[in-house]
Each structure stands twice: as structure tokens, then as C-alpha cells.
C-alpha atoms as a PDB file:
ATOM      1  CA  MET A   1       0.112   0.126   0.206  1.00  0.00           C
ATOM      2  CA  ILE A   2       3.251   2.623   1.191  1.00  0.00           C
ATOM      3  CA  LEU A   3       4.500   1.816  -2.555  1.00  0.00           C
ATOM      4  CA  GLU A   4       1.345   2.115  -4.226  1.00  0.00           C
ATOM      5  CA  LYS A   5       0.602   5.525  -2.453  1.00  0.00           C
ATOM      6  CA  LYS A   6       3.996   6.724  -3.373  1.00  0.00           C
ATOM      7  CA  ARG A   7       3.482   5.581  -7.155  1.00  0.00           C
ATOM      8  CA  ILE A   8       0.592   7.593  -7.320  1.00  0.00           C
ATOM      9  CA  PHE A   9       2.202  10.593  -5.945  1.00  0.00           C
ATOM     10  CA  GLU A  10       5.027  10.288  -8.429  1.00  0.00           C
ATOM     11  CA  ILE A  11       2.547  10.114 -11.531  1.00  0.00           C
ATOM     12  CA  VAL A  12       0.649  13.055 -10.151  1.00  0.00           C
ATOM     13  CA  GLU A  13       3.909  15.148  -9.420  1.00  0.00           C
ATOM     14  CA  LYS A  14       5.449  16.843 -12.838  1.00  0.00           C
ATOM     15  CA  GLY A  15       6.908  14.065 -14.869  1.00  0.00           C
ATOM     16  CA  THR A  16      10.536  13.075 -14.319  1.00  0.00           C
ATOM     17  CA  PRO A  17      12.295  11.979 -17.790  1.00  0.00           C
ATOM     18  CA  GLY A  18      11.750   8.627 -18.613  1.00  0.00           C
ATOM     19  CA  ASP A  19       8.363   8.363 -16.553  1.00  0.00           C
ATOM     20  CA  LYS A  20       5.978   7.433 -19.582  1.00  0.00           C
ATOM     21  CA  ALA A  21       2.814   6.928 -16.395  1.00  0.00           C
ATOM     22  CA  SER A  22       3.526  10.484 -15.195  1.00  0.00           C
ATOM     23  CA  ILE A  23       4.128  12.389 -18.292  1.00  0.00           C
ATOM     24  CA  GLY A  24       0.825  10.810 -20.114  1.00  0.00           C
ATOM     25  CA  PHE A  25      -0.651  12.023 -16.799  1.00  0.00           C
ATOM     26  CA  ASP A  26       0.865  15.551 -17.168  1.00  0.00           C
ATOM     27  CA  TYR A  27      -0.007  15.726 -20.853  1.00  0.00           C
ATOM     28  CA  GLY A  28      -3.628  14.821 -19.976  1.00  0.00           C
ATOM     29  CA  ILE A  29      -4.402  16.855 -17.671  1.00  0.00           C
ATOM     30  CA  ILE A  30      -2.490  19.991 -19.796  1.00  0.00           C
ATOM     31  CA  VAL A  31      -5.422  18.952 -22.989  1.00  0.00           C
ATOM     32  CA  ILE A  32      -8.503  18.584 -20.356  1.00  0.00           C
ATOM     33  CA  ILE A  33      -7.193  22.618 -19.054  1.00  0.00           C
ATOM     34  CA  VAL A  34      -7.030  23.430 -22.506  1.00  0.00           C
ATOM     35  CA  LEU A  35     -10.519  22.365 -23.692  1.00  0.00           C
ATOM     36  CA  ASN A  36     -11.975  23.583 -20.625  1.00  0.00           C
ATOM     37  CA  ILE A  37     -11.344  26.950 -21.442  1.00  0.00           C
ATOM     38  CA  ALA A  38     -11.970  26.443 -24.948  1.00  0.00           C
ATOM     39  CA  ALA A  39     -15.696  25.168 -23.515  1.00  0.00           C
ATOM     40  CA  VAL A  40     -15.986  28.362 -22.021  1.00  0.00           C
ATOM     41  CA  ILE A  41     -15.634  30.460 -25.032  1.00  0.00           C
ATOM     42  CA  ILE A  42     -17.975  28.385 -26.646  1.00  0.00           C
ATOM     43  CA  SER A  43     -20.636  28.742 -23.973  1.00  0.00           C
ATOM     44  CA  SER A  44     -20.615  32.034 -24.360  1.00  0.00           C
ATOM     45  CA  PHE A  45     -22.152  32.386 -27.823  1.00  0.00           C
ATOM     46  CA  ASN A  46     -26.047  32.538 -28.071  1.00  0.00           C
ATOM     47  CA  ASP A  47     -28.255  30.317 -29.536  1.00  0.00           C
ATOM     48  CA  LEU A  48     -25.660  27.682 -29.608  1.00  0.00           C
ATOM     49  CA  PRO A  49     -27.683  24.290 -31.216  1.00  0.00           C
ATOM     50  CA  GLU A  50     -28.605  21.997 -28.326  1.00  0.00           C
ATOM     51  CA  PRO A  51     -26.559  18.796 -29.397  1.00  0.00           C
ATOM     52  CA  LEU A  52     -23.280  21.088 -28.474  1.00  0.00           C
ATOM     53  CA  LYS A  53     -24.605  22.233 -25.381  1.00  0.00           C
ATOM     54  CA  GLN A  54     -25.473  18.994 -24.234  1.00  0.00           C
ATOM     55  CA  SER A  55     -22.021  17.997 -25.637  1.00  0.00           C
ATOM     56  CA  LEU A  56     -20.348  21.058 -23.594  1.00  0.00           C
ATOM     57  CA  THR A  57     -22.273  19.680 -20.145  1.00  0.00           C
ATOM     58  CA  ILE A  58     -21.468  16.172 -20.275  1.00  0.00           C
ATOM     59  CA  PHE A  59     -17.802  17.571 -21.037  1.00  0.00           C
ATOM     60  CA  GLU A  60     -17.961  19.652 -17.832  1.00  0.00           C
ATOM     61  CA  TYR A  61     -19.539  16.608 -15.805  1.00  0.00           C
ATOM     62  CA  ILE A  62     -16.116  14.644 -17.211  1.00  0.00           C
ATOM     63  CA  SER A  63     -13.965  17.320 -16.568  1.00  0.00           C
ATOM     64  CA  ILE A  64     -14.957  17.848 -13.013  1.00  0.00           C
ATOM     65  CA  ILE A  65     -15.123  14.235 -12.128  1.00  0.00           C
ATOM     66  CA  ILE A  66     -11.145  14.446 -13.172  1.00  0.00           C
ATOM     67  CA  PHE A  67     -10.153  17.512 -11.310  1.00  0.00           C
ATOM     68  CA  THR A  68     -12.022  16.186  -8.522  1.00  0.00           C
ATOM     69  CA  ALA A  69     -10.011  13.002  -8.401  1.00  0.00           C
ATOM     70  CA  GLU A  70      -6.558  14.630  -9.118  1.00  0.00           C
ATOM     71  CA  TYR A  71      -7.408  17.128  -6.265  1.00  0.00           C
ATOM     72  CA  VAL A  72      -8.162  14.100  -3.486  1.00  0.00           C
ATOM     73  CA  LEU A  73      -4.887  12.186  -5.164  1.00  0.00           C
ATOM     74  CA  ARG A  74      -2.611  15.019  -4.513  1.00  0.00           C
ATOM     75  CA  LEU A  75      -4.318  15.908  -1.323  1.00  0.00           C
ATOM     76  CA  TRP A  76      -3.825  11.699  -0.013  1.00  0.00           C
ATOM     77  CA  THR A  77      -0.220  11.961  -1.199  1.00  0.00           C
ATOM     78  CA  ALA A  78       0.856  15.416   0.550  1.00  0.00           C
ATOM     79  CA  PRO A  79       2.857  13.223   3.051  1.00  0.00           C
ATOM     80  CA  TYR A  80       5.715  12.717   0.106  1.00  0.00           C
ATOM     81  CA  LYS A  81       5.339  16.197  -1.014  1.00  0.00           C
ATOM     82  CA  TYR A  82       6.101  17.495   2.171  1.00  0.00           C
ATOM     83  CA  PRO A  83       8.097  15.193   3.935  1.00  0.00           C
ATOM     84  CA  GLY A  84       8.806  15.849   7.411  1.00  0.00           C
ATOM     85  CA  HIS A  85       5.958  18.266   7.738  1.00  0.00           C
ATOM     86  CA  ARG A  86       4.023  18.017  10.966  1.00  0.00           C
ATOM     87  CA  PHE A  87       1.038  18.886   9.132  1.00  0.00           C
ATOM     88  CA  PRO A  88       1.244  17.783   5.077  1.00  0.00           C
ATOM     89  CA  TYR A  89      -2.172  17.775   4.398  1.00  0.00           C
ATOM     90  CA  LEU A  90      -2.823  21.029   5.794  1.00  0.00           C
ATOM     91  CA  ARG A  91       0.305  22.403   4.319  1.00  0.00           C
ATOM     92  CA  TYR A  92      -0.984  20.926   0.815  1.00  0.00           C
ATOM     93  CA  ILE A  93      -4.097  22.568   1.343  1.00  0.00           C
ATOM     94  CA  GLY A  94      -3.285  26.287   1.817  1.00  0.00           C
ATOM     95  CA  SER A  95      -0.645  26.113  -1.040  1.00  0.00           C
ATOM     96  CA  PHE A  96      -1.409  28.231  -3.940  1.00  0.00           C
ATOM     97  CA  MET A  97      -1.434  25.294  -6.568  1.00  0.00           C
ATOM     98  CA  ALA A  98      -3.995  23.501  -3.867  1.00  0.00           C
ATOM     99  CA  LEU A  99      -6.154  26.853  -3.375  1.00  0.00           C
ATOM    100  CA  ILE A 100      -6.546  26.811  -7.728  1.00  0.00           C
ATOM    101  CA  ASP A 101      -6.890  23.481  -7.762  1.00  0.00           C
ATOM    102  CA  LEU A 102     -10.055  23.925  -5.294  1.00  0.00           C
ATOM    103  CA  CYS A 103     -11.477  27.040  -7.091  1.00  0.00           C
ATOM    104  CA  ALA A 104     -11.655  25.290 -10.782  1.00  0.00           C
ATOM    105  CA  ILE A 105     -14.108  22.668  -9.094  1.00  0.00           C
ATOM    106  CA  LEU A 106     -15.992  24.417  -5.666  1.00  0.00           C
ATOM    107  CA  PRO A 107     -18.025  26.508  -8.338  1.00  0.00           C
ATOM    108  CA  PHE A 108     -19.447  23.319  -9.401  1.00  0.00           C
ATOM    109  CA  TYR A 109     -20.383  21.981  -5.949  1.00  0.00           C
ATOM    110  CA  LEU A 110     -21.455  25.098  -4.513  1.00  0.00           C
ATOM    111  CA  PRO A 111     -25.164  25.022  -5.640  1.00  0.00           C
ATOM    112  CA  PHE A 112     -25.659  21.600  -4.158  1.00  0.00           C
ATOM    113  CA  ILE A 113     -24.314  22.783  -0.824  1.00  0.00           C
ATOM    114  CA  VAL A 114     -25.830  26.059  -0.596  1.00  0.00           C
ATOM    115  CA  GLY A 115     -28.905  27.701  -2.415  1.00  0.00           C
ATOM    116  CA  ILE A 116     -27.826  30.232  -5.216  1.00  0.00           C
ATOM    117  CA  ASP A 117     -29.315  32.179  -7.549  1.00  0.00           C
ATOM    118  CA  LEU A 118     -29.201  32.219 -11.160  1.00  0.00           C
ATOM    119  CA  ARG A 119     -27.134  35.576 -11.378  1.00  0.00           C
ATOM    120  CA  MET A 120     -24.734  34.159  -8.968  1.00  0.00           C
ATOM    121  CA  LEU A 121     -24.789  31.019 -10.365  1.00  0.00           C
ATOM    122  CA  ARG A 122     -23.259  32.881 -13.678  1.00  0.00           C
ATOM    123  CA  ILE A 123     -20.437  34.782 -11.683  1.00  0.00           C
ATOM    124  CA  LEU A 124     -19.481  31.193 -10.317  1.00  0.00           C
ATOM    125  CA  ARG A 125     -19.060  29.922 -13.949  1.00  0.00           C
ATOM    126  CA  LEU A 126     -16.553  32.452 -14.326  1.00  0.00           C
ATOM    127  CA  PHE A 127     -14.180  30.575 -12.094  1.00  0.00           C
ATOM    128  CA  ARG A 128     -14.288  27.949 -14.169  1.00  0.00           C
ATOM    129  CA  LEU A 129     -10.974  30.412 -16.348  1.00  0.00           C
ATOM    130  CA  LEU A 130      -9.744  29.789 -13.069  1.00  0.00           C
ATOM    131  CA  ARG A 131      -8.305  26.286 -14.836  1.00  0.00           C
ATOM    132  CA  ILE A 132      -6.158  27.847 -16.836  1.00  0.00           C
ATOM    133  CA  LEU A 133      -4.079  28.825 -13.921  1.00  0.00           C
ATOM    134  CA  LYS A 134      -3.703  25.304 -13.129  1.00  0.00           C
ATOM    135  CA  LEU A 135      -0.836  25.121 -16.115  1.00  0.00           C
ATOM    136  CA  ASN A 136       1.677  26.244 -13.658  1.00  0.00           C
ATOM    137  CA  ARG A 137       2.322  23.160 -11.975  1.00  0.00           C
ATOM    138  CA  TYR A 138       3.424  22.564 -15.944  1.00  0.00           C
ATOM    139  CA  ASN A 139       5.429  26.201 -16.304  1.00  0.00           C
ATOM    140  CA  ASN A 140       6.855  28.272 -13.629  1.00  0.00           C
ATOM    141  CA  ALA A 141       5.567  31.485 -15.638  1.00  0.00           C
ATOM    142  CA  VAL A 142       3.343  32.618 -12.786  1.00  0.00           C
ATOM    143  CA  GLU A 143       6.143  32.113 -10.335  1.00  0.00           C
ATOM    144  CA  LEU A 144       8.467  33.871 -12.359  1.00  0.00           C
ATOM    145  CA  ILE A 145       5.918  37.080 -12.063  1.00  0.00           C
ATOM    146  CA  ALA A 146       5.330  36.483  -8.308  1.00  0.00           C
ATOM    147  CA  GLN A 147       9.464  36.551  -8.315  1.00  0.00           C
ATOM    148  CA  VAL A 148       9.632  39.625 -10.390  1.00  0.00           C
ATOM    149  CA  PHE A 149       6.656  41.067  -8.319  1.00  0.00           C
ATOM    150  CA  ARG A 150       8.394  40.807  -4.807  1.00  0.00           C
ATOM    151  CA  GLY A 151      11.839  41.837  -6.224  1.00  0.00           C
ATOM    152  CA  GLU A 152      10.680  45.041  -7.439  1.00  0.00           C
ATOM    153  CA  LYS A 153       7.866  46.053  -4.971  1.00  0.00           C
ATOM    154  CA  GLU A 154       9.304  48.948  -3.348  1.00  0.00           C
ATOM    155  CA  LYS A 155       9.233  50.773  -6.613  1.00  0.00           C
ATOM    156  CA  ILE A 156       6.155  49.692  -7.863  1.00  0.00           C
ATOM    157  CA  PHE A 157       4.408  50.631  -4.528  1.00  0.00           C
ATOM    158  CA  THR A 158       6.008  54.133  -5.410  1.00  0.00           C
ATOM    159  CA  THR A 159       4.761  54.651  -9.052  1.00  0.00           C
ATOM    160  CA  ILE A 160       1.655  53.451  -7.640  1.00  0.00           C
ATOM    161  CA  PHE A 161       1.753  56.409  -4.926  1.00  0.00           C
ATOM    162  CA  MET A 162       2.813  58.630  -7.101  1.00  0.00           C
ATOM    163  CA  THR A 163       0.127  57.678 -10.085  1.00  0.00           C
ATOM    164  CA  GLY A 164      -2.953  58.490  -7.179  1.00  0.00           C
ATOM    165  CA  LEU A 165      -1.118  62.007  -6.659  1.00  0.00           C
ATOM    166  CA  MET A 166      -1.253  62.337 -10.154  1.00  0.00           C
ATOM    167  CA  LEU A 167      -4.843  61.189 -10.289  1.00  0.00           C
ATOM    168  CA  LEU A 168      -6.090  63.476  -6.862  1.00  0.00           C
ATOM    169  CA  LEU A 169      -4.130  66.280  -8.321  1.00  0.00           C
ATOM    170  CA  ALA A 170      -5.627  66.568 -11.572  1.00  0.00           C
ATOM    171  CA  SER A 171      -9.242  65.405 -10.869  1.00  0.00           C
ATOM    172  CA  SER A 172      -8.938  68.289  -8.244  1.00  0.00           C
ATOM    173  CA  VAL A 173      -7.495  71.187 -10.313  1.00  0.00           C
ATOM    174  CA  MET A 174      -9.807  69.936 -13.296  1.00  0.00           C
ATOM    175  CA  TYR A 175     -13.005  70.622 -11.174  1.00  0.00           C
ATOM    176  CA  TYR A 176     -12.453  73.538 -10.130  1.00  0.00           C
ATOM    177  CA  VAL A 177     -11.656  74.329 -14.327  1.00  0.00           C
ATOM    178  CA  GLU A 178     -14.745  72.934 -15.597  1.00  0.00           C
ATOM    179  CA  ASN A 179     -17.551  72.895 -12.798  1.00  0.00           C
ATOM    180  CA  THR A 180     -18.979  76.251 -13.768  1.00  0.00           C
ATOM    181  CA  ALA A 181     -18.861  75.318 -17.481  1.00  0.00           C
ATOM    182  CA  GLN A 182     -19.957  71.587 -16.939  1.00  0.00           C
ATOM    183  CA  PRO A 183     -21.890  70.853 -13.468  1.00  0.00           C
ATOM    184  CA  ASP A 184     -23.052  67.915 -15.123  1.00  0.00           C
ATOM    185  CA  LYS A 185     -19.821  66.130 -16.201  1.00  0.00           C
ATOM    186  CA  PHE A 186     -17.660  67.339 -13.238  1.00  0.00           C
ATOM    187  CA  PRO A 187     -20.093  67.301 -10.690  1.00  0.00           C
ATOM    188  CA  ASN A 188     -17.589  66.525  -7.840  1.00  0.00           C
ATOM    189  CA  ILE A 189     -13.984  65.805  -7.028  1.00  0.00           C
ATOM    190  CA  ILE A 190     -14.977  61.590  -7.371  1.00  0.00           C
ATOM    191  CA  ALA A 191     -16.830  62.039 -10.367  1.00  0.00           C
ATOM    192  CA  THR A 192     -13.676  64.150 -12.086  1.00  0.00           C
ATOM    193  CA  LEU A 193     -11.909  60.990 -11.259  1.00  0.00           C
ATOM    194  CA  TRP A 194     -13.025  59.096 -14.075  1.00  0.00           C
ATOM    195  CA  TRP A 195     -12.095  61.957 -16.603  1.00  0.00           C
ATOM    196  CA  ALA A 196      -8.469  61.928 -14.910  1.00  0.00           C
ATOM    197  CA  VAL A 197      -8.191  57.837 -15.232  1.00  0.00           C
ATOM    198  CA  ALA A 198      -8.918  58.304 -18.932  1.00  0.00           C
ATOM    199  CA  THR A 199      -6.634  61.108 -19.568  1.00  0.00           C
ATOM    200  CA  LEU A 200      -3.218  59.868 -17.548  1.00  0.00           C
ATOM    201  CA  THR A 201      -3.209  56.656 -19.069  1.00  0.00           C
ATOM    202  CA  THR A 202      -3.882  58.383 -22.424  1.00  0.00           C
ATOM    203  CA  VAL A 203      -7.046  56.145 -23.605  1.00  0.00           C
ATOM    204  CA  GLY A 204      -9.486  59.044 -23.566  1.00  0.00           C
ATOM    205  CA  TYR A 205     -13.161  57.358 -23.987  1.00  0.00           C
ATOM    206  CA  GLY A 206     -14.265  60.896 -25.055  1.00  0.00           C
ATOM    207  CA  ASP A 207     -17.498  60.589 -22.621  1.00  0.00           C
ATOM    208  CA  VAL A 208     -16.338  63.146 -20.321  1.00  0.00           C
ATOM    209  CA  TYR A 209     -13.601  65.895 -21.671  1.00  0.00           C
ATOM    210  CA  PRO A 210     -12.727  69.988 -21.164  1.00  0.00           C
ATOM    211  CA  ILE A 211     -14.751  72.571 -22.822  1.00  0.00           C
ATOM    212  CA  THR A 212     -13.052  75.757 -21.347  1.00  0.00           C
ATOM    213  CA  THR A 213      -9.377  77.177 -22.867  1.00  0.00           C
ATOM    214  CA  ILE A 214      -7.423  76.593 -19.553  1.00  0.00           C
ATOM    215  CA  GLY A 215      -9.421  72.933 -19.212  1.00  0.00           C
ATOM    216  CA  LYS A 216      -7.732  72.309 -22.417  1.00  0.00           C
ATOM    217  CA  VAL A 217      -4.635  73.432 -21.782  1.00  0.00           C
ATOM    218  CA  LEU A 218      -4.564  71.525 -18.556  1.00  0.00           C
ATOM    219  CA  SER A 219      -5.889  68.384 -20.380  1.00  0.00           C
ATOM    220  CA  GLY A 220      -2.954  68.648 -22.808  1.00  0.00           C
ATOM    221  CA  VAL A 221      -0.428  69.033 -20.041  1.00  0.00           C
ATOM    222  CA  ILE A 222      -2.117  65.978 -17.951  1.00  0.00           C
ATOM    223  CA  ALA A 223      -2.119  63.680 -20.836  1.00  0.00           C
ATOM    224  CA  LEU A 224       1.575  64.173 -21.965  1.00  0.00           C
ATOM    225  CA  LEU A 225       2.334  63.442 -17.921  1.00  0.00           C
ATOM    226  CA  GLY A 226       0.504  60.511 -18.753  1.00  0.00           C
ATOM    227  CA  ILE A 227       2.617  58.971 -20.738  1.00  0.00           C
ATOM    228  CA  GLY A 228       5.494  59.020 -19.025  1.00  0.00           C
ATOM    229  CA  LEU A 229       3.642  57.957 -15.590  1.00  0.00           C
ATOM    230  CA  VAL A 230       2.217  55.010 -17.792  1.00  0.00           C
ATOM    231  CA  ALA A 231       6.102  53.845 -19.109  1.00  0.00           C
ATOM    232  CA  LEU A 232       7.488  54.113 -15.601  1.00  0.00           C
ATOM    233  CA  PRO A 233       5.977  51.062 -14.031  1.00  0.00           C
ATOM    234  CA  ALA A 234       6.423  49.557 -17.470  1.00  0.00           C
ATOM    235  CA  GLY A 235      10.076  50.165 -16.955  1.00  0.00           C
ATOM    236  CA  ILE A 236      10.657  49.073 -13.731  1.00  0.00           C
ATOM    237  CA  ILE A 237       8.829  45.268 -14.426  1.00  0.00           C
ATOM    238  CA  SER A 238      10.520  44.680 -17.783  1.00  0.00           C
ATOM    239  CA  SER A 239      14.007  45.582 -15.854  1.00  0.00           C
ATOM    240  CA  GLY A 240      12.849  42.880 -13.208  1.00  0.00           C
ATOM    241  CA  PHE A 241      12.012  40.218 -15.796  1.00  0.00           C
ATOM    242  CA  ILE A 242      15.695  40.878 -16.817  1.00  0.00           C
ATOM    243  CA  LYS A 243      17.083  40.532 -13.606  1.00  0.00           C
ATOM    244  CA  ALA A 244      15.327  37.640 -12.621  1.00  0.00           C
ATOM    245  CA  ILE A 245      16.219  35.727 -16.050  1.00  0.00           C
ATOM    246  CA  SER A 246      19.848  36.670 -15.874  1.00  0.00           C
ATOM    247  CA  LYS A 247      19.846  35.321 -11.900  1.00  0.00           C
ATOM    248  CA  GLU A 248      18.282  31.944 -13.384  1.00  0.00           C
ATOM    249  CA  GLU A 249      21.067  31.999 -15.831  1.00  0.00           C
ATOM    250  CA  GLN A 250      23.416  32.483 -13.314  1.00  0.00           C
ATOM    251  CA  GLN A 251      22.468  29.750 -10.837  1.00  0.00           C
ATOM    252  CA  GLU A 252      22.642  27.509 -13.661  1.00  0.00           C
ATOM    253  CA  GLY A 253      26.036  28.340 -14.063  1.00  0.00           C
ATOM    254  CA  ILE A 254      26.745  24.904 -15.693  1.00  0.00           C
ATOM    255  CA  ARG A 255      24.673  22.739 -16.828  1.00  0.00           C
ATOM    256  CA  ALA A 256      24.624  18.683 -17.228  1.00  0.00           C
ATOM    257  CA  ASP A 257      23.764  18.435 -20.723  1.00  0.00           C
ATOM    258  CA  GLY A 258      27.442  16.532 -22.252  1.00  0.00           C
ATOM    259  CA  PRO A 259      27.550  13.261 -23.433  1.00  0.00           C
ATOM    260  CA  ALA A 260      26.759  10.696 -20.665  1.00  0.00           C
ATOM    261  CA  GLY A 261      25.311  13.098 -18.652  1.00  0.00           C
ATOM    262  CA  LYS A 262      29.113  14.957 -17.906  1.00  0.00           C
ATOM    263  CA  ARG A 263      28.952  18.261 -17.038  1.00  0.00           C
ATOM    264  CA  VAL A 264      29.846  20.934 -19.568  1.00  0.00           C
ATOM    265  CA  CYS A 265      30.305  24.655 -19.081  1.00  0.00           C
ATOM    266  CA  PRO A 266      27.387  26.679 -20.994  1.00  0.00           C
ATOM    267  CA  HIS A 267      29.629  29.116 -22.332  1.00  0.00           C
ATOM    268  CA  CYS A 268      32.872  27.306 -23.573  1.00  0.00           C
ATOM    269  CA  GLY A 269      31.195  23.615 -23.759  1.00  0.00           C
ATOM    270  CA  LYS A 270      34.276  22.279 -22.032  1.00  0.00           C
ATOM    271  CA  GLU A 271      33.959  19.532 -19.877  1.00  0.00           C
ATOM    272  CA  ILE A 272      33.833  20.346 -16.197  1.00  0.00           C
ATOM    273  CA  GLU A 273      35.881  18.007 -13.228  1.00  0.00           C
END
């Protein structure tokens, strides 16, 4: 029984080279996740043929059974994932990927547990899109993004503070300039904040805009400032990605890709003792 449990853990975890059962399981889950996202997109169309609706419903039931079994198996084999941990099952339940797995199946079971109206049910169905995050188990893209944000959090928070301050100043100034001319479009500073967001982000929906000369001049200046304001966090995040990727390459240092698993320098290709 112990050997069987350990073997199940090896299968449900990310496949190792040579383990055909584990690799097959991984590819099967990836295919089901991709098909689920396609099913969510298709189900958003109106007037779908009835046979297609029935097929989508059946596929949803099959997916729920598979994802539920996967969650249960991962929970059951948690002691192998967290060896030596005092509470391995609780440790797994609280992990990021376990929460994603739970969100992928919980909306299906909630209507059977508690009474939910149809509007709430439609919102819960949107949680099926979270199933795409399950792919992070087979790709470290989300972890890389989180690493970048952790490394650049101080700069990002500074940028957010500057953005908030700029929005507040812009909406306050424009309120006092345009309120008399357009009391319905600029009734207060909070309402004017919508105009400030659209202008600073250079989106410019055109539903609210200044008509006074001073307001137009200020609007142009604020729009120009918004170009740099939008570019600033983009540059910080891009710099963070470059640092993170460079760090990964430095940590690799040498890689075992030579003949017969020999350690080879990634730069010159010579074997390293």
C-alpha cells in the first residue's frame, strides 16, 4: 500500500524524464485544461445548437470528475510532497496550487450545498477560467511573475503612490476649472476622477472632456504627463524580468548536457571536473 501511494504521488506530480505514466498524466491534464477554456469561450455564444450544449455539459461533468480525483489524489499523497512536515495535509490545502485546484472544482459543487440564485451561478461559472492557472504546475511563468513583483515591490509601490497622487491632483484641478461650465460632467472631485484616469492612461474615451480654454490646456499637459506615468511601471517590471532571467542563468552556471551526463560549461562547452 505504501509503495502504491508513493507511485501515485510520482504519477500526479510533474513528470520526470523516462516516467511515461507521469508524463502521460501531465499531458492529459494539460489537454483537459485547454479544452475547458475553449468550452467556456464557446458557451458564451448565444443560440448554440442543443446537441452542442449537451456535449459541453457532459464534458463539464467529465472534467469535474477528473479534476476532483486529481485534487483528492494530491491531497492523499501530501506526506510525500512535504516529507517531515507536521501537518502535510493542511500544508497542501493552504498551498497556492491547491487553492487553484479547489477553485477549479468548487463552483460546481456550491449550488448543491447552498442555495444560489441564477445571477450568482453565472458569476461562479466564470471561476472555470481559473483552471488555466493550473498550467502553472507545468510552467513556472506565474512564479517568475511573482518573483519579479516581490523583487521590485518597493519601486512598484512608489509608482502606484505617484500615480494616485497625480490622479488626485488632476481631478481636483479639473473640477475647479470645469465645474462651472459643465456641472453635470464635473459635479465633484470623485466623479472627475474618471476623466483623470482616462486622460492619464491616454485612453481618452471622449465621454467626458473639458470645453474651457484653461481646461483644454491642462488636459493636454496631463495627457503628456500620463505617457511617462504609464511607461514608468512598464520599465520597472521589464527591468525586473531581465534581472530574474539573468539570475536564473547565473544559478544554472553549468549544466549537465554533455555526453553521458557529463558536466559541461554553458559558455565554452568544455567538460568540467
